[in-house]
Amino acid sequence: MDAISTSQLKIHCAEVVARVAKTGEPVTVTRRGRPVARIVPVEDDSPTLFGALAGHIAICGDLIEPVGEPWEAGL
């Protein structure tokens, strides 16, 4: 399915959206034979685990140096 009219889209909207999601093929929506819109799949741009916080946190000081304050481990 390459193109669909607005009237047919109203009837078969869920089916068209499911097909676009499954196949990845865009569908052009037409009104009176002229293209007016395109339904395309969404690209997955969610961040991955590695590098997700890059630029959002900073290391200040030495991470393994003792802080100099007494504390008790709650055992």
N, C-alpha and C. Protein backbone atom coordinates (compact mmCIF):
# COMPACT_ATOMS: atom_id res chain seq x y z
N MET A 1 0.86 -1.17 0.00
CA MET A 1 0.00 0.00 0.00
C MET A 1 0.90 1.23 0.00
N ASP A 2 0.88 1.95 -1.06
CA ASP A 2 1.75 3.10 -1.22
C ASP A 2 1.04 4.39 -0.85
N ALA A 3 -0.25 4.49 -1.17
CA ALA A 3 -1.03 5.70 -0.89
C ALA A 3 -2.45 5.30 -0.49
N ILE A 4 -3.07 6.18 0.31
CA ILE A 4 -4.44 5.93 0.76
C ILE A 4 -5.15 7.27 0.85
N SER A 5 -6.42 7.29 0.49
CA SER A 5 -7.20 8.53 0.57
C SER A 5 -7.61 8.79 2.01
N THR A 6 -7.94 10.03 2.30
CA THR A 6 -8.34 10.38 3.67
C THR A 6 -9.60 9.64 4.09
N SER A 7 -10.51 9.44 3.15
CA SER A 7 -11.75 8.72 3.50
C SER A 7 -11.45 7.26 3.83
N GLN A 8 -10.55 6.62 3.09
CA GLN A 8 -10.18 5.23 3.39
C GLN A 8 -9.35 5.15 4.67
N LEU A 9 -8.55 6.18 4.93
CA LEU A 9 -7.75 6.20 6.16
C LEU A 9 -8.66 6.25 7.39
N LYS A 10 -9.76 7.01 7.29
CA LYS A 10 -10.70 7.07 8.40
C LYS A 10 -11.24 5.68 8.74
N ILE A 11 -11.46 4.88 7.73
CA ILE A 11 -12.02 3.53 7.93
C ILE A 11 -10.97 2.55 8.41
N HIS A 12 -9.76 2.64 7.84
CA HIS A 12 -8.73 1.62 8.08
C HIS A 12 -7.51 2.16 8.83
N CYS A 13 -7.69 3.17 9.64
CA CYS A 13 -6.56 3.83 10.30
C CYS A 13 -5.70 2.86 11.11
N ALA A 14 -6.31 2.08 11.97
CA ALA A 14 -5.55 1.16 12.83
C ALA A 14 -4.76 0.16 11.99
N GLU A 15 -5.35 -0.34 10.93
CA GLU A 15 -4.66 -1.30 10.06
C GLU A 15 -3.47 -0.65 9.35
N VAL A 16 -3.65 0.57 8.87
CA VAL A 16 -2.57 1.27 8.17
C VAL A 16 -1.41 1.54 9.12
N VAL A 17 -1.71 2.01 10.31
CA VAL A 17 -0.67 2.30 11.30
C VAL A 17 0.07 1.01 11.69
N ALA A 18 -0.66 -0.07 11.88
CA ALA A 18 -0.02 -1.35 12.22
C ALA A 18 0.89 -1.83 11.09
N ARG A 19 0.46 -1.65 9.86
CA ARG A 19 1.28 -2.08 8.71
C ARG A 19 2.55 -1.24 8.60
N VAL A 20 2.44 0.06 8.81
CA VAL A 20 3.62 0.93 8.76
C VAL A 20 4.60 0.53 9.87
N ALA A 21 4.09 0.26 11.05
CA ALA A 21 4.95 -0.15 12.15
C ALA A 21 5.63 -1.48 11.87
N LYS A 22 4.92 -2.40 11.25
CA LYS A 22 5.45 -3.73 11.00
C LYS A 22 6.46 -3.74 9.84
N THR A 23 6.12 -3.08 8.74
CA THR A 23 6.96 -3.15 7.54
C THR A 23 7.99 -2.03 7.46
N GLY A 24 7.72 -0.91 8.12
CA GLY A 24 8.61 0.24 8.03
C GLY A 24 8.42 1.05 6.76
N GLU A 25 7.46 0.66 5.94
CA GLU A 25 7.19 1.36 4.68
C GLU A 25 6.24 2.54 4.93
N PRO A 26 6.60 3.75 4.49
CA PRO A 26 5.70 4.88 4.69
C PRO A 26 4.47 4.81 3.78
N VAL A 27 3.40 5.45 4.20
CA VAL A 27 2.16 5.51 3.43
C VAL A 27 1.81 6.98 3.21
N THR A 28 1.53 7.34 1.98
CA THR A 28 1.13 8.70 1.64
C THR A 28 -0.38 8.83 1.74
N VAL A 29 -0.83 9.88 2.41
CA VAL A 29 -2.26 10.15 2.54
C VAL A 29 -2.63 11.19 1.49
N THR A 30 -3.69 10.90 0.73
CA THR A 30 -4.10 11.82 -0.34
C THR A 30 -5.49 12.38 -0.09
N ARG A 31 -5.71 13.57 -0.61
CA ARG A 31 -7.04 14.19 -0.59
C ARG A 31 -7.32 14.65 -2.02
N ARG A 32 -8.35 14.07 -2.60
CA ARG A 32 -8.72 14.37 -3.99
C ARG A 32 -7.54 14.10 -4.94
N GLY A 33 -6.80 13.03 -4.64
CA GLY A 33 -5.71 12.60 -5.50
C GLY A 33 -4.38 13.31 -5.28
N ARG A 34 -4.35 14.28 -4.40
CA ARG A 34 -3.12 15.02 -4.13
C ARG A 34 -2.54 14.61 -2.78
N PRO A 35 -1.24 14.38 -2.70
CA PRO A 35 -0.62 14.02 -1.41
C PRO A 35 -0.73 15.17 -0.41
N VAL A 36 -1.16 14.85 0.81
CA VAL A 36 -1.29 15.87 1.85
C VAL A 36 -0.52 15.52 3.12
N ALA A 37 -0.20 14.25 3.29
CA ALA A 37 0.52 13.83 4.50
C ALA A 37 1.20 12.50 4.25
N ARG A 38 2.09 12.14 5.15
CA ARG A 38 2.77 10.84 5.04
C ARG A 38 2.85 10.22 6.44
N ILE A 39 2.51 8.95 6.53
CA ILE A 39 2.62 8.20 7.78
C ILE A 39 3.91 7.41 7.68
N VAL A 40 4.82 7.66 8.62
CA VAL A 40 6.12 7.00 8.62
C VAL A 40 6.38 6.37 9.99
N PRO A 41 7.21 5.32 10.04
CA PRO A 41 7.53 4.73 11.33
C PRO A 41 8.44 5.65 12.14
N VAL A 42 8.34 5.57 13.44
CA VAL A 42 9.18 6.37 14.34
C VAL A 42 10.50 5.65 14.53
N GLU A 43 11.60 6.42 14.42
CA GLU A 43 12.91 5.84 14.66
C GLU A 43 13.16 5.77 16.16
N ASP A 44 13.77 4.68 16.60
CA ASP A 44 14.07 4.50 18.01
C ASP A 44 15.29 5.33 18.36
N ASP A 45 15.08 6.43 19.07
CA ASP A 45 16.19 7.29 19.44
C ASP A 45 16.41 7.32 20.96
N SER A 46 15.95 6.26 21.63
CA SER A 46 16.14 6.20 23.07
C SER A 46 17.62 5.98 23.39
N PRO A 47 18.09 6.59 24.47
CA PRO A 47 19.51 6.46 24.80
C PRO A 47 19.86 5.04 25.25
N THR A 48 21.07 4.65 24.96
CA THR A 48 21.54 3.34 25.43
C THR A 48 22.12 3.50 26.83
N LEU A 49 22.40 2.40 27.47
CA LEU A 49 22.95 2.43 28.81
C LEU A 49 24.30 3.14 28.83
N PHE A 50 25.16 2.81 27.89
CA PHE A 50 26.49 3.39 27.86
C PHE A 50 26.46 4.76 27.20
N GLY A 51 26.90 5.75 27.92
CA GLY A 51 26.95 7.11 27.40
C GLY A 51 25.67 7.88 27.59
N ALA A 52 24.69 7.32 28.28
CA ALA A 52 23.41 8.00 28.45
C ALA A 52 23.54 9.28 29.27
N LEU A 53 24.49 9.33 30.20
CA LEU A 53 24.66 10.51 31.05
C LEU A 53 25.85 11.37 30.64
N ALA A 54 26.42 11.11 29.48
CA ALA A 54 27.57 11.89 29.02
C ALA A 54 27.19 13.36 28.94
N GLY A 55 28.01 14.19 29.55
CA GLY A 55 27.75 15.62 29.55
C GLY A 55 26.81 16.09 30.64
N HIS A 56 26.27 15.16 31.44
CA HIS A 56 25.32 15.54 32.49
C HIS A 56 25.91 15.42 33.89
N ILE A 57 26.99 14.69 34.06
CA ILE A 57 27.61 14.54 35.37
C ILE A 57 29.09 14.86 35.25
N ALA A 58 29.70 15.23 36.38
CA ALA A 58 31.13 15.54 36.40
C ALA A 58 31.75 14.91 37.64
N ILE A 59 32.97 14.46 37.52
CA ILE A 59 33.71 13.91 38.65
C ILE A 59 34.54 15.03 39.23
N CYS A 60 34.31 15.32 40.50
CA CYS A 60 35.04 16.39 41.19
C CYS A 60 35.92 15.76 42.26
N GLY A 61 37.21 15.74 42.05
CA GLY A 61 38.15 15.19 43.02
C GLY A 61 38.44 13.73 42.75
N ASP A 62 39.15 13.12 43.71
CA ASP A 62 39.57 11.73 43.60
C ASP A 62 38.48 10.83 44.16
N LEU A 63 38.05 9.86 43.40
CA LEU A 63 36.97 8.99 43.84
C LEU A 63 37.39 7.98 44.89
N ILE A 64 38.67 7.65 44.98
CA ILE A 64 39.09 6.61 45.93
C ILE A 64 39.85 7.17 47.12
N GLU A 65 40.12 8.44 47.16
CA GLU A 65 40.82 9.06 48.29
C GLU A 65 39.86 9.17 49.47
N PRO A 66 40.33 8.86 50.70
CA PRO A 66 39.46 9.01 51.87
C PRO A 66 38.99 10.45 52.04
N VAL A 67 37.77 10.63 52.52
CA VAL A 67 37.20 11.96 52.65
C VAL A 67 37.65 12.66 53.93
N GLY A 68 38.23 11.91 54.87
CA GLY A 68 38.73 12.53 56.09
C GLY A 68 37.69 12.69 57.18
N GLU A 69 36.49 12.19 56.99
CA GLU A 69 35.46 12.30 58.01
C GLU A 69 35.16 10.91 58.55
N PRO A 70 35.03 10.78 59.87
CA PRO A 70 34.75 9.46 60.45
C PRO A 70 33.33 9.00 60.11
N TRP A 71 33.17 7.74 59.92
CA TRP A 71 31.85 7.18 59.65
C TRP A 71 31.83 5.75 60.16
N GLU A 72 30.67 5.24 60.40
CA GLU A 72 30.52 3.87 60.88
C GLU A 72 29.74 3.08 59.86
N ALA A 73 30.26 1.91 59.58
CA ALA A 73 29.55 1.01 58.69
C ALA A 73 28.46 0.31 59.51
N GLY A 74 27.26 0.39 59.08
CA GLY A 74 26.14 -0.20 59.80
C GLY A 74 26.05 -1.71 59.55
N LEU A 75 26.79 -2.48 60.33
CA LEU A 75 26.77 -3.93 60.16
C LEU A 75 25.84 -4.57 61.11
